[in-house]
Amino acid sequence: MQELVSREWLTVQFQTLLEDVCPIIVEHWFYKGSRAPHRFVCDDLSVLLEYFDKHAGVGDAFHFWRFDLCCSDAAVLCHGKVPKANGELPPPGAY
């Protein structure tokens, strides 16, 4: 069964998750607009609610995923580092 997405529903679903656990991945499908979905990662409930208030329209669909369950080291497709101008890699950093 599909949920009816509202400001209140978003607050109930994601307040604790965003404050205490992890970011969420948001996919916004536009009912009328003939365009690709908008995807973003959100870690702040106020930002999510502001996005919803400004961009959600009647009939739009939203899909949500937990970032920590989807984006793990085991799921990385590839990775790399940007080299210095001379082509050398900088020393390891704090990441």
PDB file of N, CA and C in Angstrom:
ATOM      1  N   MET A   1       0.831  -1.178   0.000  1.00  0.00           N
ATOM      2  CA  MET A   1       0.000   0.000   0.000  1.00  0.00           C
ATOM      3  C   MET A   1       0.880   1.246   0.000  1.00  0.00           C
ATOM      4  N   GLN A   2       0.559   2.210  -0.816  1.00  0.00           N
ATOM      5  CA  GLN A   2       1.317   3.449  -0.880  1.00  0.00           C
ATOM      6  C   GLN A   2       0.917   4.361   0.281  1.00  0.00           C
ATOM      7  N   GLU A   3       1.889   5.098   0.761  1.00  0.00           N
ATOM      8  CA  GLU A   3       1.646   6.084   1.806  1.00  0.00           C
ATOM      9  C   GLU A   3       1.320   7.422   1.155  1.00  0.00           C
ATOM     10  N   LEU A   4       0.528   8.209   1.822  1.00  0.00           N
ATOM     11  CA  LEU A   4       0.255   9.570   1.369  1.00  0.00           C
ATOM     12  C   LEU A   4       1.310  10.468   1.997  1.00  0.00           C
ATOM     13  N   VAL A   5       2.171  11.028   1.166  1.00  0.00           N
ATOM     14  CA  VAL A   5       3.284  11.838   1.662  1.00  0.00           C
ATOM     15  C   VAL A   5       2.791  13.245   1.981  1.00  0.00           C
ATOM     16  N   SER A   6       3.018  13.654   3.206  1.00  0.00           N
ATOM     17  CA  SER A   6       2.680  15.002   3.649  1.00  0.00           C
ATOM     18  C   SER A   6       3.826  15.493   4.519  1.00  0.00           C
ATOM     19  N   ARG A   7       3.777  16.738   4.867  1.00  0.00           N
ATOM     20  CA  ARG A   7       4.785  17.324   5.760  1.00  0.00           C
ATOM     21  C   ARG A   7       4.828  16.564   7.089  1.00  0.00           C
ATOM     22  N   GLU A   8       3.649  16.250   7.610  1.00  0.00           N
ATOM     23  CA  GLU A   8       3.547  15.540   8.885  1.00  0.00           C
ATOM     24  C   GLU A   8       4.105  14.118   8.762  1.00  0.00           C
ATOM     25  N   TRP A   9       3.792  13.458   7.651  1.00  0.00           N
ATOM     26  CA  TRP A   9       4.275  12.099   7.430  1.00  0.00           C
ATOM     27  C   TRP A   9       5.801  12.091   7.363  1.00  0.00           C
ATOM     28  N   LEU A  10       6.372  13.044   6.623  1.00  0.00           N
ATOM     29  CA  LEU A  10       7.831  13.139   6.529  1.00  0.00           C
ATOM     30  C   LEU A  10       8.453  13.336   7.905  1.00  0.00           C
ATOM     31  N   THR A  11       7.855  14.178   8.708  1.00  0.00           N
ATOM     32  CA  THR A  11       8.374  14.445  10.051  1.00  0.00           C
ATOM     33  C   THR A  11       8.369  13.181  10.902  1.00  0.00           C
ATOM     34  N   VAL A  12       7.268  12.467  10.897  1.00  0.00           N
ATOM     35  CA  VAL A  12       7.161  11.239  11.690  1.00  0.00           C
ATOM     36  C   VAL A  12       8.157  10.188  11.202  1.00  0.00           C
ATOM     37  N   GLN A  13       8.260  10.023   9.884  1.00  0.00           N
ATOM     38  CA  GLN A  13       9.108   8.981   9.320  1.00  0.00           C
ATOM     39  C   GLN A  13      10.600   9.240   9.533  1.00  0.00           C
ATOM     40  N   PHE A  14      11.023  10.483   9.405  1.00  0.00           N
ATOM     41  CA  PHE A  14      12.447  10.751   9.287  1.00  0.00           C
ATOM     42  C   PHE A  14      13.078  11.584  10.393  1.00  0.00           C
ATOM     43  N   GLN A  15      12.326  12.116  11.326  1.00  0.00           N
ATOM     44  CA  GLN A  15      12.912  12.975  12.359  1.00  0.00           C
ATOM     45  C   GLN A  15      14.009  12.252  13.131  1.00  0.00           C
ATOM     46  N   THR A  16      13.717  11.093  13.677  1.00  0.00           N
ATOM     47  CA  THR A  16      14.713  10.365  14.463  1.00  0.00           C
ATOM     48  C   THR A  16      15.843   9.852  13.590  1.00  0.00           C
ATOM     49  N   LEU A  17      15.505   9.331  12.410  1.00  0.00           N
ATOM     50  CA  LEU A  17      16.525   8.796  11.520  1.00  0.00           C
ATOM     51  C   LEU A  17      17.544   9.865  11.148  1.00  0.00           C
ATOM     52  N   LEU A  18      17.063  11.036  10.752  1.00  0.00           N
ATOM     53  CA  LEU A  18      17.976  12.095  10.326  1.00  0.00           C
ATOM     54  C   LEU A  18      18.754  12.693  11.492  1.00  0.00           C
ATOM     55  N   GLU A  19      18.153  12.747  12.665  1.00  0.00           N
ATOM     56  CA  GLU A  19      18.839  13.352  13.811  1.00  0.00           C
ATOM     57  C   GLU A  19      19.840  12.407  14.453  1.00  0.00           C
ATOM     58  N   ASP A  20      19.530  11.111  14.461  1.00  0.00           N
ATOM     59  CA  ASP A  20      20.333  10.192  15.264  1.00  0.00           C
ATOM     60  C   ASP A  20      21.045   9.088  14.506  1.00  0.00           C
ATOM     61  N   VAL A  21      20.629   8.806  13.273  1.00  0.00           N
ATOM     62  CA  VAL A  21      21.150   7.605  12.630  1.00  0.00           C
ATOM     63  C   VAL A  21      21.950   7.912  11.375  1.00  0.00           C
ATOM     64  N   CYS A  22      21.280   8.390  10.337  1.00  0.00           N
ATOM     65  CA  CYS A  22      21.983   8.536   9.063  1.00  0.00           C
ATOM     66  C   CYS A  22      21.190   9.417   8.111  1.00  0.00           C
ATOM     67  N   PRO A  23      21.839   9.870   7.050  1.00  0.00           N
ATOM     68  CA  PRO A  23      21.128  10.600   5.998  1.00  0.00           C
ATOM     69  C   PRO A  23      20.199   9.659   5.234  1.00  0.00           C
ATOM     70  N   ILE A  24      19.322  10.253   4.433  1.00  0.00           N
ATOM     71  CA  ILE A  24      18.460   9.478   3.556  1.00  0.00           C
ATOM     72  C   ILE A  24      18.689   9.926   2.115  1.00  0.00           C
ATOM     73  N   ILE A  25      18.473   9.007   1.204  1.00  0.00           N
ATOM     74  CA  ILE A  25      18.505   9.303  -0.224  1.00  0.00           C
ATOM     75  C   ILE A  25      17.060   9.540  -0.636  1.00  0.00           C
ATOM     76  N   VAL A  26      16.815  10.647  -1.319  1.00  0.00           N
ATOM     77  CA  VAL A  26      15.462  11.025  -1.729  1.00  0.00           C
ATOM     78  C   VAL A  26      15.390  11.009  -3.250  1.00  0.00           C
ATOM     79  N   GLU A  27      14.329  10.397  -3.778  1.00  0.00           N
ATOM     80  CA  GLU A  27      14.073  10.416  -5.204  1.00  0.00           C
ATOM     81  C   GLU A  27      12.668  10.975  -5.405  1.00  0.00           C
ATOM     82  N   HIS A  28      12.580  12.097  -6.092  1.00  0.00           N
ATOM     83  CA  HIS A  28      11.319  12.807  -6.313  1.00  0.00           C
ATOM     84  C   HIS A  28      10.923  12.633  -7.766  1.00  0.00           C
ATOM     85  N   TRP A  29       9.807  11.920  -7.995  1.00  0.00           N
ATOM     86  CA  TRP A  29       9.262  11.709  -9.342  1.00  0.00           C
ATOM     87  C   TRP A  29       8.149  12.712  -9.561  1.00  0.00           C
ATOM     88  N   PHE A  30       8.173  13.380 -10.693  1.00  0.00           N
ATOM     89  CA  PHE A  30       7.214  14.439 -10.995  1.00  0.00           C
ATOM     90  C   PHE A  30       6.030  13.885 -11.793  1.00  0.00           C
ATOM     91  N   TYR A  31       4.831  14.068 -11.264  1.00  0.00           N
ATOM     92  CA  TYR A  31       3.619  13.574 -11.908  1.00  0.00           C
ATOM     93  C   TYR A  31       3.381  14.256 -13.246  1.00  0.00           C
ATOM     94  N   LYS A  32       3.444  15.572 -13.247  1.00  0.00           N
ATOM     95  CA  LYS A  32       3.299  16.340 -14.485  1.00  0.00           C
ATOM     96  C   LYS A  32       4.571  17.160 -14.648  1.00  0.00           C
ATOM     97  N   GLY A  33       5.217  16.956 -15.723  1.00  0.00           N
ATOM     98  CA  GLY A  33       6.453  17.683 -15.923  1.00  0.00           C
ATOM     99  C   GLY A  33       7.333  17.048 -16.972  1.00  0.00           C
ATOM    100  N   SER A  34       7.046  15.804 -17.307  1.00  0.00           N
ATOM    101  CA  SER A  34       7.808  15.111 -18.343  1.00  0.00           C
ATOM    102  C   SER A  34       9.309  15.301 -18.164  1.00  0.00           C
ATOM    103  N   ARG A  35       9.772  14.987 -16.979  1.00  0.00           N
ATOM    104  CA  ARG A  35      11.204  15.109 -16.749  1.00  0.00           C
ATOM    105  C   ARG A  35      11.682  13.988 -15.830  1.00  0.00           C
ATOM    106  N   ALA A  36      12.976  13.824 -15.797  1.00  0.00           N
ATOM    107  CA  ALA A  36      13.580  12.781 -14.982  1.00  0.00           C
ATOM    108  C   ALA A  36      13.402  13.108 -13.498  1.00  0.00           C
ATOM    109  N   PRO A  37      13.453  12.107 -12.659  1.00  0.00           N
ATOM    110  CA  PRO A  37      13.336  12.374 -11.227  1.00  0.00           C
ATOM    111  C   PRO A  37      14.539  13.154 -10.703  1.00  0.00           C
ATOM    112  N   HIS A  38      14.300  13.881  -9.632  1.00  0.00           N
ATOM    113  CA  HIS A  38      15.364  14.607  -8.939  1.00  0.00           C
ATOM    114  C   HIS A  38      15.801  13.751  -7.760  1.00  0.00           C
ATOM    115  N   ARG A  39      17.095  13.541  -7.621  1.00  0.00           N
ATOM    116  CA  ARG A  39      17.635  12.722  -6.534  1.00  0.00           C
ATOM    117  C   ARG A  39      18.626  13.544  -5.728  1.00  0.00           C
ATOM    118  N   PHE A  40      18.574  13.348  -4.408  1.00  0.00           N
ATOM    119  CA  PHE A  40      19.529  14.030  -3.541  1.00  0.00           C
ATOM    120  C   PHE A  40      19.645  13.303  -2.211  1.00  0.00           C
ATOM    121  N   VAL A  41      20.697  13.599  -1.485  1.00  0.00           N
ATOM    122  CA  VAL A  41      20.914  13.047  -0.150  1.00  0.00           C
ATOM    123  C   VAL A  41      20.603  14.145   0.846  1.00  0.00           C
ATOM    124  N   CYS A  42      19.880  13.791   1.892  1.00  0.00           N
ATOM    125  CA  CYS A  42      19.464  14.778   2.883  1.00  0.00           C
ATOM    126  C   CYS A  42      19.805  14.283   4.283  1.00  0.00           C
ATOM    127  N   ASP A  43      20.363  15.168   5.100  1.00  0.00           N
ATOM    128  CA  ASP A  43      20.666  14.809   6.484  1.00  0.00           C
ATOM    129  C   ASP A  43      20.066  15.794   7.481  1.00  0.00           C
ATOM    130  N   ASP A  44      19.100  16.584   7.032  1.00  0.00           N
ATOM    131  CA  ASP A  44      18.490  17.599   7.889  1.00  0.00           C
ATOM    132  C   ASP A  44      16.991  17.655   7.594  1.00  0.00           C
ATOM    133  N   LEU A  45      16.184  17.399   8.607  1.00  0.00           N
ATOM    134  CA  LEU A  45      14.738  17.372   8.414  1.00  0.00           C
ATOM    135  C   LEU A  45      14.206  18.705   7.913  1.00  0.00           C
ATOM    136  N   SER A  46      14.730  19.813   8.398  1.00  0.00           N
ATOM    137  CA  SER A  46      14.230  21.118   7.963  1.00  0.00           C
ATOM    138  C   SER A  46      14.489  21.332   6.468  1.00  0.00           C
ATOM    139  N   VAL A  47      15.609  20.825   5.962  1.00  0.00           N
ATOM    140  CA  VAL A  47      15.914  20.927   4.531  1.00  0.00           C
ATOM    141  C   VAL A  47      14.938  20.071   3.731  1.00  0.00           C
ATOM    142  N   LEU A  48      14.642  18.873   4.211  1.00  0.00           N
ATOM    143  CA  LEU A  48      13.694  17.998   3.531  1.00  0.00           C
ATOM    144  C   LEU A  48      12.304  18.625   3.495  1.00  0.00           C
ATOM    145  N   LEU A  49      11.863  19.190   4.612  1.00  0.00           N
ATOM    146  CA  LEU A  49      10.542  19.821   4.658  1.00  0.00           C
ATOM    147  C   LEU A  49      10.484  21.056   3.762  1.00  0.00           C
ATOM    148  N   GLU A  50      11.557  21.834   3.730  1.00  0.00           N
ATOM    149  CA  GLU A  50      11.605  23.005   2.860  1.00  0.00           C
ATOM    150  C   GLU A  50      11.532  22.580   1.391  1.00  0.00           C
ATOM    151  N   TYR A  51      12.275  21.521   1.031  1.00  0.00           N
ATOM    152  CA  TYR A  51      12.217  21.015  -0.341  1.00  0.00           C
ATOM    153  C   TYR A  51      10.787  20.584  -0.676  1.00  0.00           C
ATOM    154  N   PHE A  52      10.174  19.839   0.220  1.00  0.00           N
ATOM    155  CA  PHE A  52       8.809  19.358   0.003  1.00  0.00           C
ATOM    156  C   PHE A  52       7.849  20.530  -0.194  1.00  0.00           C
ATOM    157  N   ASP A  53       7.945  21.537   0.671  1.00  0.00           N
ATOM    158  CA  ASP A  53       7.059  22.702   0.574  1.00  0.00           C
ATOM    159  C   ASP A  53       7.210  23.431  -0.763  1.00  0.00           C
ATOM    160  N   LYS A  54       8.432  23.533  -1.261  1.00  0.00           N
ATOM    161  CA  LYS A  54       8.699  24.298  -2.476  1.00  0.00           C
ATOM    162  C   LYS A  54       8.481  23.512  -3.765  1.00  0.00           C
ATOM    163  N   HIS A  55       8.705  22.199  -3.731  1.00  0.00           N
ATOM    164  CA  HIS A  55       8.778  21.454  -4.985  1.00  0.00           C
ATOM    165  C   HIS A  55       7.749  20.343  -5.163  1.00  0.00           C
ATOM    166  N   ALA A  56       7.124  19.868  -4.102  1.00  0.00           N
ATOM    167  CA  ALA A  56       6.176  18.761  -4.233  1.00  0.00           C
ATOM    168  C   ALA A  56       4.863  19.246  -4.819  1.00  0.00           C
ATOM    169  N   GLY A  57       4.337  18.488  -5.767  1.00  0.00           N
ATOM    170  CA  GLY A  57       3.055  18.804  -6.376  1.00  0.00           C
ATOM    171  C   GLY A  57       2.106  17.623  -6.255  1.00  0.00           C
ATOM    172  N   VAL A  58       0.851  17.872  -6.470  1.00  0.00           N
ATOM    173  CA  VAL A  58      -0.160  16.827  -6.412  1.00  0.00           C
ATOM    174  C   VAL A  58       0.206  15.709  -7.386  1.00  0.00           C
ATOM    175  N   GLY A  59       0.189  14.488  -6.918  1.00  0.00           N
ATOM    176  CA  GLY A  59       0.494  13.335  -7.748  1.00  0.00           C
ATOM    177  C   GLY A  59       1.960  12.970  -7.818  1.00  0.00           C
ATOM    178  N   ASP A  60       2.851  13.820  -7.334  1.00  0.00           N
ATOM    179  CA  ASP A  60       4.278  13.503  -7.328  1.00  0.00           C
ATOM    180  C   ASP A  60       4.522  12.299  -6.420  1.00  0.00           C
ATOM    181  N   ALA A  61       5.539  11.524  -6.743  1.00  0.00           N
ATOM    182  CA  ALA A  61       5.901  10.351  -5.949  1.00  0.00           C
ATOM    183  C   ALA A  61       7.294  10.550  -5.359  1.00  0.00           C
ATOM    184  N   PHE A  62       7.488  10.029  -4.173  1.00  0.00           N
ATOM    185  CA  PHE A  62       8.779  10.093  -3.494  1.00  0.00           C
ATOM    186  C   PHE A  62       9.199   8.691  -3.084  1.00  0.00           C
ATOM    187  N   HIS A  63      10.473   8.383  -3.286  1.00  0.00           N
ATOM    188  CA  HIS A  63      11.059   7.138  -2.804  1.00  0.00           C
ATOM    189  C   HIS A  63      12.203   7.530  -1.882  1.00  0.00           C
ATOM    190  N   PHE A  64      12.400   6.758  -0.827  1.00  0.00           N
ATOM    191  CA  PHE A  64      13.416   7.069   0.178  1.00  0.00           C
ATOM    192  C   PHE A  64      14.221   5.813   0.502  1.00  0.00           C
ATOM    193  N   TRP A  65      15.524   5.990   0.703  1.00  0.00           N
ATOM    194  CA  TRP A  65      16.398   4.905   1.125  1.00  0.00           C
ATOM    195  C   TRP A  65      17.300   5.400   2.247  1.00  0.00           C
ATOM    196  N   ARG A  66      17.676   4.479   3.125  1.00  0.00           N
ATOM    197  CA  ARG A  66      18.677   4.803   4.143  1.00  0.00           C
ATOM    198  C   ARG A  66      20.045   4.801   3.481  1.00  0.00           C
ATOM    199  N   PHE A  67      20.773   5.879   3.644  1.00  0.00           N
ATOM    200  CA  PHE A  67      22.097   6.009   3.049  1.00  0.00           C
ATOM    201  C   PHE A  67      23.031   4.908   3.540  1.00  0.00           C
ATOM    202  N   ASP A  68      23.015   4.640   4.848  1.00  0.00           N
ATOM    203  CA  ASP A  68      23.960   3.686   5.424  1.00  0.00           C
ATOM    204  C   ASP A  68      23.745   2.256   4.931  1.00  0.00           C
ATOM    205  N   LEU A  69      22.528   1.919   4.526  1.00  0.00           N
ATOM    206  CA  LEU A  69      22.261   0.571   4.031  1.00  0.00           C
ATOM    207  C   LEU A  69      22.577   0.429   2.546  1.00  0.00           C
ATOM    208  N   CYS A  70      22.548   1.524   1.812  1.00  0.00           N
ATOM    209  CA  CYS A  70      22.806   1.486   0.366  1.00  0.00           C
ATOM    210  C   CYS A  70      24.251   1.799   0.013  1.00  0.00           C
ATOM    211  N   CYS A  71      24.866   2.652   0.771  1.00  0.00           N
ATOM    212  CA  CYS A  71      26.182   3.182   0.416  1.00  0.00           C
ATOM    213  C   CYS A  71      27.235   2.696   1.405  1.00  0.00           C
ATOM    214  N   SER A  72      27.672   1.475   1.200  1.00  0.00           N
ATOM    215  CA  SER A  72      28.698   0.892   2.062  1.00  0.00           C
ATOM    216  C   SER A  72      29.983   0.706   1.258  1.00  0.00           C
ATOM    217  N   ASP A  73      31.076   0.434   1.943  1.00  0.00           N
ATOM    218  CA  ASP A  73      32.345   0.183   1.251  1.00  0.00           C
ATOM    219  C   ASP A  73      32.220  -0.998   0.297  1.00  0.00           C
ATOM    220  N   ALA A  74      31.417  -1.999   0.663  1.00  0.00           N
ATOM    221  CA  ALA A  74      31.250  -3.184  -0.183  1.00  0.00           C
ATOM    222  C   ALA A  74      30.492  -2.866  -1.472  1.00  0.00           C
ATOM    223  N   ALA A  75      29.716  -1.783  -1.477  1.00  0.00           N
ATOM    224  CA  ALA A  75      28.894  -1.450  -2.638  1.00  0.00           C
ATOM    225  C   ALA A  75      29.536  -0.411  -3.563  1.00  0.00           C
ATOM    226  N   VAL A  76      30.738   0.046  -3.257  1.00  0.00           N
ATOM    227  CA  VAL A  76      31.399   1.063  -4.070  1.00  0.00           C
ATOM    228  C   VAL A  76      31.700   0.500  -5.454  1.00  0.00           C
ATOM    229  N   LEU A  77      31.305   1.233  -6.484  1.00  0.00           N
ATOM    230  CA  LEU A  77      31.588   0.805  -7.860  1.00  0.00           C
ATOM    231  C   LEU A  77      33.039   1.062  -8.225  1.00  0.00           C
ATOM    232  N   CYS A  78      33.536   2.230  -7.866  1.00  0.00           N
ATOM    233  CA  CYS A  78      34.926   2.579  -8.099  1.00  0.00           C
ATOM    234  C   CYS A  78      35.242   3.792  -7.228  1.00  0.00           C
ATOM    235  N   HIS A  79      36.512   4.100  -7.107  1.00  0.00           N
ATOM    236  CA  HIS A  79      36.915   5.290  -6.348  1.00  0.00           C
ATOM    237  C   HIS A  79      38.261   5.763  -6.867  1.00  0.00           C
ATOM    238  N   GLY A  80      38.588   6.987  -6.564  1.00  0.00           N
ATOM    239  CA  GLY A  80      39.853   7.549  -7.000  1.00  0.00           C
ATOM    240  C   GLY A  80      40.121   8.855  -6.297  1.00  0.00           C
ATOM    241  N   LYS A  81      41.263   9.424  -6.585  1.00  0.00           N
ATOM    242  CA  LYS A  81      41.666  10.696  -5.996  1.00  0.00           C
ATOM    243  C   LYS A  81      42.093  11.645  -7.108  1.00  0.00           C
ATOM    244  N   VAL A  82      41.890  12.917  -6.885  1.00  0.00           N
ATOM    245  CA  VAL A  82      42.319  13.946  -7.830  1.00  0.00           C
ATOM    246  C   VAL A  82      43.804  14.214  -7.586  1.00  0.00           C
ATOM    247  N   PRO A  83      44.626  14.126  -8.637  1.00  0.00           N
ATOM    248  CA  PRO A  83      46.064  14.344  -8.449  1.00  0.00           C
ATOM    249  C   PRO A  83      46.417  15.828  -8.393  1.00  0.00           C
ATOM    250  N   LYS A  84      47.647  16.071  -7.963  1.00  0.00           N
ATOM    251  CA  LYS A  84      48.200  17.419  -8.023  1.00  0.00           C
ATOM    252  C   LYS A  84      48.399  17.790  -9.491  1.00  0.00           C
ATOM    253  N   ALA A  85      48.739  19.050  -9.755  1.00  0.00           N
ATOM    254  CA  ALA A  85      48.955  19.517 -11.129  1.00  0.00           C
ATOM    255  C   ALA A  85      50.048  18.721 -11.837  1.00  0.00           C
ATOM    256  N   ASN A  86      51.034  18.218 -11.067  1.00  0.00           N
ATOM    257  CA  ASN A  86      52.127  17.462 -11.671  1.00  0.00           C
ATOM    258  C   ASN A  86      51.803  15.975 -11.836  1.00  0.00           C
ATOM    259  N   GLY A  87      50.582  15.565 -11.473  1.00  0.00           N
ATOM    260  CA  GLY A  87      50.158  14.183 -11.645  1.00  0.00           C
ATOM    261  C   GLY A  87      50.359  13.289 -10.425  1.00  0.00           C
ATOM    262  N   GLU A  88      51.066  13.796  -9.406  1.00  0.00           N
ATOM    263  CA  GLU A  88      51.292  12.987  -8.207  1.00  0.00           C
ATOM    264  C   GLU A  88      50.060  13.070  -7.298  1.00  0.00           C
ATOM    265  N   LEU A  89      49.876  11.991  -6.532  1.00  0.00           N
ATOM    266  CA  LEU A  89      48.794  12.006  -5.544  1.00  0.00           C
ATOM    267  C   LEU A  89      49.265  12.704  -4.285  1.00  0.00           C
ATOM    268  N   PRO A  90      48.409  13.484  -3.660  1.00  0.00           N
ATOM    269  CA  PRO A  90      48.783  14.084  -2.384  1.00  0.00           C
ATOM    270  C   PRO A  90      48.863  13.015  -1.301  1.00  0.00           C
ATOM    271  N   PRO A  91      49.528  13.320  -0.182  1.00  0.00           N
ATOM    272  CA  PRO A  91      49.609  12.335   0.896  1.00  0.00           C
ATOM    273  C   PRO A  91      48.206  12.035   1.455  1.00  0.00           C
ATOM    274  N   PRO A  92      48.049  10.911   2.122  1.00  0.00           N
ATOM    275  CA  PRO A  92      46.752  10.570   2.698  1.00  0.00           C
ATOM    276  C   PRO A  92      46.204  11.718   3.562  1.00  0.00           C
ATOM    277  N   GLY A  93      44.896  11.902   3.478  1.00  0.00           N
ATOM    278  CA  GLY A  93      44.263  12.983   4.227  1.00  0.00           C
ATOM    279  C   GLY A  93      43.286  12.470   5.259  1.00  0.00           C
ATOM    280  N   ALA A  94      42.613  13.375   5.907  1.00  0.00           N
ATOM    281  CA  ALA A  94      41.664  13.029   6.968  1.00  0.00           C
ATOM    282  C   ALA A  94      40.268  12.825   6.374  1.00  0.00           C
ATOM    283  N   TYR A  95      40.085  11.735   5.688  1.00  0.00           N
ATOM    284  CA  TYR A  95      38.783  11.361   5.168  1.00  0.00           C
ATOM    285  C   TYR A  95      38.675   9.907   5.324  1.00  0.00           C
TER     286      TYR A  95
END
